[in-house]
Amino acid sequence: MKSFDVAIIGAGTSGLTARKEVARYTNSYVVIDDGPLGTTCARVGCMPSKVLIQVANDFARKEKFLEMGISGADTLSIDPKKTMEHVRRLRDRFVRGVKNPMDDWKDHFIKGRAEFIDSTTLQVGEDVLKAKKIIIATGSRPLLLPSWEGSRANSLTTDEFFELEELPQSVAVFGLGVIGVELGQALHRLGVKVVACTTNKSIGGLTDPELQNYVNEKFRKEMNIHFSAANPLGLNEHGQVRFSVDGQEYSVDRILFAVGRVPNIDRVKIDKLGVSLNKRGLPKVNPNTMSLEEAPHIFLPGDVNGDRPILHEAADEGIIAGHNAVSTKETCFKRRVPLNIVFSDPNIATVGETYRTLTDKGEDFVIGSVSFEGQGRSIVKLKEHGLLHVYVRKNDGQILGAELQAPDGEHLAHLIAWAISLNLTVKEVLRLPFYHPVVEEGLRTAFRKASSQIDEKGTREELFRCDDPPIR
């Protein structure tokens, strides 16, 4: 039986960042993983999807060429096979970027599935390992709906999607969270016939009712969307999947399931720990230390804890878990401001506190809004489409959060997240420089509208005053 200071189960983003932290303090560690290496993000998640989205948006841009005086766009076409080859080529490059550094610590790696025997002992194949501290970083997997089991041969998740040699002619997208919105819109723009089904209006995670209605209306002008669950009807004579929704029947080549992901906690025999599990089969985790509350020598970072399934959060949680796994005294870490971005066109984002969390807490806040329909730089880019709401505490002007759909929204979201992280008030942000003409001017408009609801006098002084008169 081999013994280690730390055992890390999983070599995804959180597992790899945990390993790097652990290796700073001890050489007595092991990393165990039984799946394909390279992380979910690089192999089947954020990176290959962004490659496909880039191709789709570049191709869709041809619709604006004639308006700008550029002729010949009607002759452009997509070669789906070459498109998917391009996606996989860049995907493989990203995966290599993750796997190559692993050669430096290959002596610490074991390929196999780890399962608990007890709270300090693991079974890996025929081997038994002991560890003082154990980090469970087994990630998550796409969720499949049991009622559609009969259509599995025609179904896709992101685990299989990027291996397609060519794109299907028609696809049903079930779920319009981040993955469904991004891939659904990209497929539509690449010429695939898309019908999307979702059971709620929170497209891309938006919770603000006005934003939801605006985004839903805009997306329905581009794609065929139903806000109801679909019912399976088997296969037709051509082998296509048949289903009904809202009284209409459809036949499609493939179904893309984008209804969420399931933590892989069930794959390590977590029941052997003797800790309490919730309805999702997850133990209670301290989000600031990543340790289990009932077993503090065990840590649960990344997608496997079901809390913040986003790469930068998984990396942070891996660092937290790795640090505490080798420390004599547990350290509590402050988490970053929540930042979620959907790479649709325009981008969708939520930052900090959402409309729902603020209203659930009974927070007294004002909303500063701006429409990008008619915003200067957006007009220049022929992208005048979007709406942004920023939430500001009424009594002191503190910026609390935002929800948005906007051109270059990924950058606006970062600016808002940084402002919240620095505890800036709306008036302090308005004293920062805004160039002209830029999309960020729209953000200033939203802050101005929020400020006008807080300042009883209605003043809008946006320049710092000097303590002394300038020297001439």
Protein backbone atom coordinates (compact mmCIF):
# COMPACT_ATOMS: atom_id res chain seq x y z
CA MET A 1 0.00 0.00 0.00
CA LYS A 2 1.37 3.40 -1.05
CA SER A 3 0.83 6.44 1.14
CA PHE A 4 0.77 10.12 0.15
CA ASP A 5 0.28 13.47 1.77
CA VAL A 6 -2.30 14.41 -0.91
CA ALA A 7 -4.28 12.45 -3.47
CA ILE A 8 -6.02 14.39 -6.25
CA ILE A 9 -8.83 12.60 -8.08
CA GLY A 10 -9.27 14.22 -11.49
CA ALA A 11 -6.91 16.02 -13.87
CA GLY A 12 -9.27 18.70 -15.16
CA THR A 13 -8.94 22.43 -14.56
CA SER A 14 -9.46 22.35 -10.78
CA GLY A 15 -7.40 19.19 -10.34
CA LEU A 16 -4.48 20.60 -12.30
CA THR A 17 -4.44 23.93 -10.45
CA ALA A 18 -4.71 22.04 -7.15
CA ARG A 19 -1.73 19.88 -8.16
CA LYS A 20 0.37 22.92 -8.99
CA GLU A 21 -0.36 24.41 -5.57
CA VAL A 22 0.29 21.14 -3.74
CA ALA A 23 3.60 20.61 -5.58
CA ARG A 24 4.91 23.90 -4.17
CA TYR A 25 4.96 22.37 -0.70
CA THR A 26 5.28 18.60 -1.02
CA ASN A 27 6.49 15.93 -3.42
CA SER A 28 4.31 13.32 -1.73
CA TYR A 29 1.23 13.55 -3.93
CA VAL A 30 -0.57 11.60 -6.66
CA VAL A 31 -3.02 12.60 -9.41
CA ILE A 32 -5.53 9.97 -10.54
CA ASP A 33 -7.71 10.21 -13.67
CA ASP A 34 -9.40 7.59 -15.84
CA GLY A 35 -10.76 9.76 -18.64
CA PRO A 36 -9.34 11.57 -21.68
CA LEU A 37 -6.95 14.29 -20.53
CA GLY A 38 -6.97 17.91 -21.62
CA THR A 39 -9.80 19.40 -19.48
CA THR A 40 -13.47 19.78 -20.36
CA CYS A 41 -12.92 23.39 -21.45
CA ALA A 42 -10.23 22.63 -24.01
CA ARG A 43 -11.65 19.34 -25.32
CA VAL A 44 -15.44 19.73 -25.45
CA GLY A 45 -16.33 23.06 -23.87
CA CYS A 46 -15.47 26.71 -24.05
CA MET A 47 -12.62 26.56 -26.56
CA PRO A 48 -13.95 24.44 -29.47
CA SER A 49 -17.36 26.08 -29.12
CA LYS A 50 -15.80 29.53 -29.51
CA VAL A 51 -14.02 28.40 -32.68
CA LEU A 52 -17.34 27.30 -34.19
CA ILE A 53 -19.03 30.52 -33.03
CA GLN A 54 -16.30 32.62 -34.63
CA VAL A 55 -16.80 30.86 -37.98
CA ALA A 56 -20.58 31.26 -37.72
CA ASN A 57 -20.43 34.96 -36.87
CA ASP A 58 -17.88 35.68 -39.58
CA PHE A 59 -20.11 33.96 -42.13
CA ALA A 60 -23.26 35.69 -40.89
CA ARG A 61 -21.54 39.06 -41.23
CA LYS A 62 -21.96 38.76 -45.01
CA GLU A 63 -25.59 39.86 -44.54
CA LYS A 64 -24.27 43.36 -43.75
CA PHE A 65 -21.81 43.63 -46.64
CA LEU A 66 -24.16 45.02 -49.28
CA GLU A 67 -25.35 47.65 -46.82
CA MET A 68 -21.71 48.78 -46.45
CA GLY A 69 -21.14 48.79 -50.22
CA ILE A 70 -19.27 45.49 -50.31
CA SER A 71 -20.60 43.33 -53.14
CA GLY A 72 -20.22 39.61 -53.82
CA ALA A 73 -21.41 38.29 -50.47
CA ASP A 74 -24.11 36.22 -52.18
CA THR A 75 -21.38 33.93 -53.57
CA LEU A 76 -20.00 32.99 -50.14
CA SER A 77 -20.70 29.48 -48.90
CA ILE A 78 -19.83 27.16 -46.03
CA ASP A 79 -18.00 23.85 -46.37
CA PRO A 80 -19.24 22.08 -43.19
CA LYS A 81 -16.59 19.37 -43.36
CA LYS A 82 -13.75 21.87 -43.51
CA THR A 83 -15.40 23.94 -40.80
CA MET A 84 -15.43 20.98 -38.40
CA GLU A 85 -11.84 20.10 -39.37
CA HIS A 86 -10.87 23.67 -38.47
CA VAL A 87 -12.68 23.40 -35.12
CA ARG A 88 -10.90 20.14 -34.26
CA ARG A 89 -7.51 21.43 -35.40
CA LEU A 90 -7.66 24.38 -33.01
CA ARG A 91 -9.29 22.20 -30.34
CA ASP A 92 -6.35 19.79 -30.51
CA ARG A 93 -3.96 22.70 -30.18
CA PHE A 94 -5.68 23.85 -26.99
CA VAL A 95 -5.63 20.30 -25.60
CA ARG A 96 -1.90 19.99 -26.34
CA GLY A 97 -1.36 23.21 -24.43
CA VAL A 98 -2.92 21.53 -21.38
CA LYS A 99 -1.30 18.10 -21.74
CA ASN A 100 2.29 19.02 -22.62
CA PRO A 101 3.17 20.45 -19.17
CA MET A 102 1.97 17.19 -17.60
CA ASP A 103 5.17 15.49 -18.79
CA ASP A 104 7.03 17.32 -16.02
CA TRP A 105 5.15 15.39 -13.32
CA LYS A 106 4.17 12.15 -15.07
CA ASP A 107 5.72 10.13 -12.23
CA HIS A 108 2.95 11.45 -9.99
CA PHE A 109 0.15 10.40 -12.34
CA ILE A 110 -1.91 7.19 -12.25
CA LYS A 111 -4.43 6.41 -15.00
CA GLY A 112 -7.45 4.70 -13.50
CA ARG A 113 -10.68 5.24 -11.61
CA ALA A 114 -10.37 6.06 -7.92
CA GLU A 115 -13.06 4.93 -5.50
CA PHE A 116 -13.24 5.42 -1.76
CA ILE A 117 -12.77 2.45 0.54
CA ASP A 118 -12.95 4.77 3.54
CA SER A 119 -12.27 8.47 4.15
CA THR A 120 -8.46 8.13 3.74
CA THR A 121 -8.19 5.08 1.48
CA LEU A 122 -8.69 4.76 -2.28
CA GLN A 123 -9.02 1.79 -4.60
CA VAL A 124 -7.46 2.39 -8.03
CA GLY A 125 -7.76 -0.76 -10.09
CA GLU A 126 -5.94 -3.43 -8.12
CA ASP A 127 -3.97 -0.88 -6.08
CA VAL A 128 -4.89 0.56 -2.69
CA LEU A 129 -3.65 4.06 -1.78
CA LYS A 130 -3.68 6.00 1.49
CA ALA A 131 -3.68 9.79 1.68
CA LYS A 132 -3.84 12.28 4.55
CA LYS A 133 -5.75 14.76 2.38
CA ILE A 134 -7.89 13.97 -0.67
CA ILE A 135 -9.08 16.40 -3.35
CA ILE A 136 -12.08 15.25 -5.39
CA ALA A 137 -11.97 17.13 -8.71
CA THR A 138 -13.85 14.75 -10.99
CA GLY A 139 -15.78 17.41 -12.92
CA SER A 140 -19.17 16.86 -14.52
CA ARG A 141 -20.87 15.28 -17.52
CA PRO A 142 -23.75 16.33 -19.80
CA LEU A 143 -27.25 15.52 -18.58
CA LEU A 144 -29.44 13.32 -20.76
CA LEU A 145 -33.22 13.13 -20.41
CA PRO A 146 -34.42 9.56 -19.68
CA SER A 147 -37.61 10.04 -21.73
CA TRP A 148 -35.44 10.40 -24.86
CA GLU A 149 -33.43 7.22 -24.37
CA GLY A 150 -35.02 5.73 -27.50
CA SER A 151 -33.44 8.51 -29.59
CA ARG A 152 -29.94 8.15 -28.17
CA ALA A 153 -28.45 7.09 -31.53
CA ASN A 154 -29.56 10.44 -32.98
CA SER A 155 -28.67 12.48 -29.89
CA LEU A 156 -25.64 14.64 -29.22
CA THR A 157 -24.05 16.22 -26.20
CA THR A 158 -20.98 18.43 -26.26
CA ASP A 159 -18.94 15.29 -25.56
CA GLU A 160 -19.77 14.07 -29.09
CA PHE A 161 -20.68 17.23 -30.99
CA PHE A 162 -17.18 18.34 -31.98
CA GLU A 163 -16.36 14.91 -33.41
CA LEU A 164 -18.96 15.30 -36.16
CA GLU A 165 -17.36 15.00 -39.60
CA GLU A 166 -20.04 17.24 -41.06
CA LEU A 167 -22.91 19.28 -39.71
CA PRO A 168 -26.41 17.80 -39.83
CA GLN A 169 -29.01 19.51 -41.97
CA SER A 170 -31.45 19.89 -39.07
CA VAL A 171 -31.04 19.95 -35.28
CA ALA A 172 -33.33 20.28 -32.28
CA VAL A 173 -31.63 22.05 -29.38
CA PHE A 174 -33.08 21.18 -25.99
CA GLY A 175 -32.19 23.81 -23.40
CA LEU A 176 -31.17 27.44 -23.91
CA GLY A 177 -28.62 27.94 -21.20
CA VAL A 178 -25.08 28.90 -22.15
CA ILE A 179 -24.37 25.86 -24.35
CA GLY A 180 -27.76 25.77 -26.05
CA VAL A 181 -27.75 29.47 -26.92
CA GLU A 182 -24.18 29.47 -28.20
CA LEU A 183 -24.32 26.32 -30.33
CA GLY A 184 -27.94 26.82 -31.40
CA GLN A 185 -27.27 30.28 -32.82
CA ALA A 186 -23.98 29.18 -34.39
CA LEU A 187 -25.61 26.21 -36.14
CA HIS A 188 -28.43 28.42 -37.40
CA ARG A 189 -25.94 30.91 -38.83
CA LEU A 190 -24.06 28.09 -40.55
CA GLY A 191 -27.21 27.09 -42.42
CA VAL A 192 -28.48 24.27 -40.20
CA LYS A 193 -32.24 24.21 -39.68
CA VAL A 194 -32.62 24.71 -35.91
CA VAL A 195 -35.63 24.40 -33.63
CA ALA A 196 -34.96 25.14 -29.96
CA CYS A 197 -37.03 24.11 -26.96
CA THR A 198 -36.70 25.46 -23.44
CA THR A 199 -39.04 25.35 -20.46
CA ASN A 200 -38.27 28.83 -19.09
CA LYS A 201 -37.48 32.33 -20.31
CA SER A 202 -34.10 32.69 -18.63
CA ILE A 203 -32.12 32.41 -21.88
CA GLY A 204 -28.41 32.45 -21.10
CA GLY A 205 -29.11 32.67 -17.36
CA LEU A 206 -30.86 36.08 -17.43
CA THR A 207 -33.24 36.68 -14.49
CA ASP A 208 -34.41 40.27 -15.11
CA PRO A 209 -37.94 40.09 -16.62
CA GLU A 210 -37.40 43.04 -18.96
CA LEU A 211 -34.10 41.58 -20.20
CA GLN A 212 -35.72 38.17 -20.60
CA ASN A 213 -38.55 39.55 -22.73
CA TYR A 214 -36.19 41.63 -24.84
CA VAL A 215 -33.73 38.79 -25.50
CA ASN A 216 -36.47 36.26 -26.15
CA GLU A 217 -38.08 38.55 -28.71
CA LYS A 218 -34.78 39.14 -30.51
CA PHE A 219 -33.78 35.48 -30.58
CA ARG A 220 -37.19 34.41 -31.88
CA LYS A 221 -36.65 36.69 -34.87
CA GLU A 222 -33.49 34.72 -35.68
CA MET A 223 -34.36 31.17 -34.57
CA ASN A 224 -37.41 28.98 -34.16
CA ILE A 225 -37.87 28.81 -30.36
CA HIS A 226 -40.56 27.09 -28.29
CA PHE A 227 -40.93 27.80 -24.57
CA SER A 228 -42.31 24.34 -23.82
CA ALA A 229 -41.02 20.82 -23.32
CA ALA A 230 -40.87 18.58 -26.40
CA ASN A 231 -42.47 15.12 -26.50
CA PRO A 232 -40.74 12.22 -28.31
CA LEU A 233 -42.63 10.52 -31.16
CA GLY A 234 -40.01 8.00 -32.28
CA LEU A 235 -38.29 7.93 -35.67
CA ASN A 236 -39.71 8.56 -39.13
CA GLU A 237 -39.10 6.43 -42.24
CA HIS A 238 -35.90 8.41 -42.97
CA GLY A 239 -34.43 7.71 -39.53
CA GLN A 240 -35.03 11.24 -38.29
CA VAL A 241 -36.21 12.00 -34.75
CA ARG A 242 -39.86 13.02 -34.53
CA PHE A 243 -41.23 15.13 -31.70
CA SER A 244 -44.07 17.48 -30.90
CA VAL A 245 -44.07 20.80 -29.06
CA ASP A 246 -46.82 23.40 -28.68
CA GLY A 247 -49.07 21.38 -31.01
CA GLN A 248 -46.52 21.26 -33.83
CA GLU A 249 -44.59 18.26 -35.09
CA TYR A 250 -40.97 18.27 -36.23
CA SER A 251 -38.51 15.79 -37.72
CA VAL A 252 -34.79 16.47 -37.30
CA ASP A 253 -31.53 14.67 -38.02
CA ARG A 254 -30.10 15.20 -34.56
CA ILE A 255 -31.01 16.34 -31.05
CA LEU A 256 -28.46 18.42 -29.15
CA PHE A 257 -28.99 18.05 -25.41
CA ALA A 258 -28.01 21.24 -23.57
CA VAL A 259 -30.13 20.85 -20.45
CA GLY A 260 -27.30 21.01 -17.92
CA ARG A 261 -24.50 18.93 -16.47
CA VAL A 262 -24.30 16.38 -13.66
CA PRO A 263 -21.43 16.37 -11.11
CA ASN A 264 -19.36 13.18 -11.33
CA ILE A 265 -19.49 12.69 -7.58
CA ASP A 266 -21.29 9.35 -8.01
CA ARG A 267 -18.20 7.83 -9.64
CA VAL A 268 -16.00 7.82 -6.52
CA LYS A 269 -18.32 5.94 -4.11
CA ILE A 270 -18.86 9.04 -2.01
CA ASP A 271 -21.21 7.05 0.24
CA LYS A 272 -18.17 5.36 1.78
CA LEU A 273 -17.31 8.64 3.53
CA GLY A 274 -20.35 8.48 5.79
CA VAL A 275 -21.21 12.16 5.25
CA SER A 276 -24.65 13.65 4.64
CA LEU A 277 -25.66 14.15 1.01
CA ASN A 278 -28.28 16.52 -0.42
CA LYS A 279 -30.87 15.70 -3.09
CA ARG A 280 -28.21 15.97 -5.79
CA GLY A 281 -26.02 13.46 -3.98
CA LEU A 282 -23.52 16.16 -2.97
CA PRO A 283 -21.94 16.73 0.45
CA LYS A 284 -21.90 20.20 2.01
CA VAL A 285 -18.80 22.19 0.98
CA ASN A 286 -17.38 25.38 2.47
CA PRO A 287 -17.06 27.64 -0.63
CA ASN A 288 -14.22 29.64 0.95
CA THR A 289 -12.04 26.66 1.92
CA MET A 290 -13.41 23.95 -0.44
CA SER A 291 -13.36 21.42 2.41
CA LEU A 292 -16.27 19.16 3.31
CA GLU A 293 -17.93 20.39 6.48
CA GLU A 294 -18.27 16.84 7.82
CA ALA A 295 -14.86 15.67 6.59
CA PRO A 296 -12.47 18.66 6.51
CA HIS A 297 -9.53 16.62 5.19
CA ILE A 298 -11.44 16.13 1.92
CA PHE A 299 -11.91 18.90 -0.63
CA LEU A 300 -14.37 19.32 -3.50
CA PRO A 301 -13.31 21.97 -6.05
CA GLY A 302 -14.58 22.62 -9.57
CA ASP A 303 -17.66 21.44 -11.45
CA VAL A 304 -18.06 18.41 -9.19
CA ASN A 305 -19.45 20.58 -6.38
CA GLY A 306 -22.20 21.95 -8.66
CA ASP A 307 -21.77 25.54 -7.44
CA ARG A 308 -19.95 27.67 -10.05
CA PRO A 309 -19.31 25.52 -13.16
CA ILE A 310 -17.07 28.05 -14.92
CA LEU A 311 -13.38 27.65 -15.78
CA HIS A 312 -11.94 30.58 -13.85
CA GLU A 313 -13.97 29.58 -10.80
CA ALA A 314 -12.79 25.97 -11.11
CA ALA A 315 -9.19 27.20 -11.28
CA ASP A 316 -9.67 29.36 -8.18
CA GLU A 317 -11.28 26.50 -6.30
CA GLY A 318 -8.40 24.21 -7.25
CA ILE A 319 -5.93 26.70 -5.81
CA ILE A 320 -7.98 27.01 -2.61
CA ALA A 321 -8.25 23.24 -2.23
CA GLY A 322 -4.57 22.69 -3.02
CA HIS A 323 -3.42 25.33 -0.56
CA ASN A 324 -5.55 24.01 2.28
CA ALA A 325 -4.61 20.42 1.54
CA VAL A 326 -0.97 21.17 2.41
CA SER A 327 -1.50 23.76 5.15
CA THR A 328 -1.42 23.06 8.86
CA LYS A 329 -4.12 25.70 9.37
CA GLU A 330 -7.10 26.06 7.04
CA THR A 331 -7.27 29.39 5.20
CA CYS A 332 -10.51 31.11 4.19
CA PHE A 333 -10.35 32.75 0.76
CA LYS A 334 -12.57 35.55 -0.55
CA ARG A 335 -14.28 34.58 -3.80
CA ARG A 336 -14.31 36.73 -6.90
CA VAL A 337 -17.35 38.72 -8.05
CA PRO A 338 -19.57 36.33 -10.06
CA LEU A 339 -19.04 36.84 -13.79
CA ASN A 340 -20.92 34.78 -16.38
CA ILE A 341 -20.68 35.41 -20.12
CA VAL A 342 -22.57 33.76 -22.98
CA PHE A 343 -20.79 34.11 -26.33
CA SER A 344 -23.93 34.57 -28.36
CA ASP A 345 -24.16 37.52 -30.75
CA PRO A 346 -24.67 39.97 -29.10
CA ASN A 347 -23.08 38.64 -25.89
CA ILE A 348 -25.24 37.91 -22.85
CA ALA A 349 -23.81 38.38 -19.36
CA THR A 350 -24.68 38.50 -15.68
CA VAL A 351 -22.33 40.20 -13.23
CA GLY A 352 -22.35 40.28 -9.44
CA GLU A 353 -25.82 40.18 -7.93
CA THR A 354 -28.58 39.32 -10.39
CA TYR A 355 -32.05 40.83 -10.45
CA ARG A 356 -33.41 37.65 -8.88
CA THR A 357 -30.91 37.48 -6.01
CA LEU A 358 -31.45 41.17 -5.19
CA THR A 359 -35.23 40.91 -5.17
CA ASP A 360 -35.14 37.67 -3.18
CA LYS A 361 -33.05 39.44 -0.52
CA GLY A 362 -35.36 42.45 -0.50
CA GLU A 363 -32.52 44.81 -1.46
CA ASP A 364 -33.58 48.43 -2.12
CA PHE A 365 -31.95 49.17 -5.47
CA VAL A 366 -32.41 51.27 -8.59
CA ILE A 367 -31.91 50.18 -12.18
CA GLY A 368 -29.84 52.15 -14.65
CA SER A 369 -30.68 51.05 -18.18
CA VAL A 370 -29.40 51.66 -21.68
CA SER A 371 -30.55 50.43 -25.07
CA PHE A 372 -27.90 49.84 -27.72
CA GLU A 373 -30.45 50.47 -30.45
CA GLY A 374 -29.28 53.89 -31.52
CA GLN A 375 -26.02 53.91 -29.52
CA GLY A 376 -23.30 55.60 -31.59
CA ARG A 377 -20.54 53.00 -31.83
CA SER A 378 -23.10 50.21 -32.16
CA ILE A 379 -24.57 51.99 -35.19
CA VAL A 380 -21.10 52.25 -36.76
CA LYS A 381 -20.55 48.51 -36.25
CA LEU A 382 -24.06 47.74 -37.61
CA LYS A 383 -24.70 45.98 -34.30
CA GLU A 384 -27.31 48.27 -32.74
CA HIS A 385 -29.03 45.56 -30.75
CA GLY A 386 -28.98 45.09 -27.01
CA LEU A 387 -30.16 46.16 -23.56
CA LEU A 388 -28.21 46.60 -20.31
CA HIS A 389 -29.44 46.97 -16.73
CA VAL A 390 -27.07 47.90 -13.91
CA TYR A 391 -28.27 47.48 -10.31
CA VAL A 392 -27.24 50.10 -7.77
CA ARG A 393 -28.03 50.26 -4.04
CA LYS A 394 -30.33 53.20 -3.48
CA ASN A 395 -29.04 54.56 -0.19
CA ASP A 396 -25.32 54.78 -1.03
CA GLY A 397 -24.91 54.29 -4.78
CA GLN A 398 -22.94 51.05 -4.43
CA ILE A 399 -22.84 49.05 -7.69
CA LEU A 400 -24.30 45.61 -6.96
CA GLY A 401 -24.62 43.82 -10.29
CA ALA A 402 -25.83 43.87 -13.86
CA GLU A 403 -27.53 41.83 -16.56
CA LEU A 404 -27.09 42.57 -20.23
CA GLN A 405 -27.22 41.64 -23.86
CA ALA A 406 -24.92 43.96 -25.79
CA PRO A 407 -22.38 44.23 -28.59
CA ASP A 408 -18.95 43.63 -27.03
CA GLY A 409 -20.84 42.64 -23.88
CA GLU A 410 -17.97 40.39 -22.79
CA HIS A 411 -15.85 43.53 -22.25
CA LEU A 412 -18.62 45.57 -20.63
CA ALA A 413 -19.22 42.72 -18.19
CA HIS A 414 -15.56 42.75 -17.16
CA LEU A 415 -15.61 46.50 -16.51
CA ILE A 416 -18.68 46.13 -14.29
CA ALA A 417 -17.13 43.18 -12.44
CA TRP A 418 -13.96 45.17 -11.78
CA ALA A 419 -16.00 48.17 -10.54
CA ILE A 420 -17.89 45.92 -8.11
CA SER A 421 -14.66 44.25 -6.99
CA LEU A 422 -13.20 47.68 -6.16
CA ASN A 423 -16.37 48.63 -4.21
CA LEU A 424 -16.93 51.65 -6.45
CA THR A 425 -20.08 53.72 -6.27
CA VAL A 426 -21.90 54.81 -9.38
CA LYS A 427 -20.60 58.38 -8.97
CA GLU A 428 -17.01 57.17 -8.64
CA VAL A 429 -17.34 55.18 -11.88
CA LEU A 430 -18.75 58.21 -13.68
CA ARG A 431 -15.55 60.10 -12.82
CA LEU A 432 -13.50 57.57 -14.80
CA PRO A 433 -12.66 58.27 -18.48
CA PHE A 434 -15.03 57.20 -21.26
CA TYR A 435 -13.69 57.67 -24.77
CA HIS A 436 -15.83 58.62 -27.79
CA PRO A 437 -17.09 56.84 -29.79
CA VAL A 438 -17.01 53.48 -27.98
CA VAL A 439 -19.61 50.94 -26.88
CA GLU A 440 -18.60 51.70 -23.28
CA GLU A 441 -20.41 55.02 -23.59
CA GLY A 442 -23.59 52.98 -23.32
CA LEU A 443 -22.41 51.76 -19.95
CA ARG A 444 -21.91 55.37 -18.87
CA THR A 445 -25.49 56.14 -19.91
CA ALA A 446 -26.77 53.33 -17.68
CA PHE A 447 -24.70 54.58 -14.72
CA ARG A 448 -25.95 58.13 -15.28
CA LYS A 449 -29.55 56.95 -15.21
CA ALA A 450 -28.91 55.06 -11.98
CA SER A 451 -27.17 58.07 -10.45
CA SER A 452 -30.08 60.38 -11.30
CA GLN A 453 -32.40 58.15 -9.26
CA ILE A 454 -30.16 58.39 -6.20
CA ASP A 455 -29.18 62.08 -6.15
CA GLU A 456 -32.18 64.09 -4.96
CA LYS A 457 -30.78 67.28 -6.45
CA GLY A 458 -30.34 65.63 -9.81
CA THR A 459 -26.74 66.87 -10.12
CA ARG A 460 -24.30 65.04 -12.38
CA GLU A 461 -20.84 66.26 -11.46
CA GLU A 462 -18.48 63.77 -13.11
CA LEU A 463 -15.11 65.49 -12.70
CA PHE A 464 -12.79 65.43 -9.69
CA ARG A 465 -12.23 68.80 -8.06
CA CYS A 466 -8.74 70.06 -7.35
CA ASP A 467 -7.78 70.84 -3.74
CA ASP A 468 -5.74 73.82 -4.95
CA PRO A 469 -6.06 76.03 -8.05
CA PRO A 470 -3.80 74.94 -10.91
CA ILE A 471 -0.40 76.62 -11.22
CA ARG A 472 -0.26 78.83 -14.31
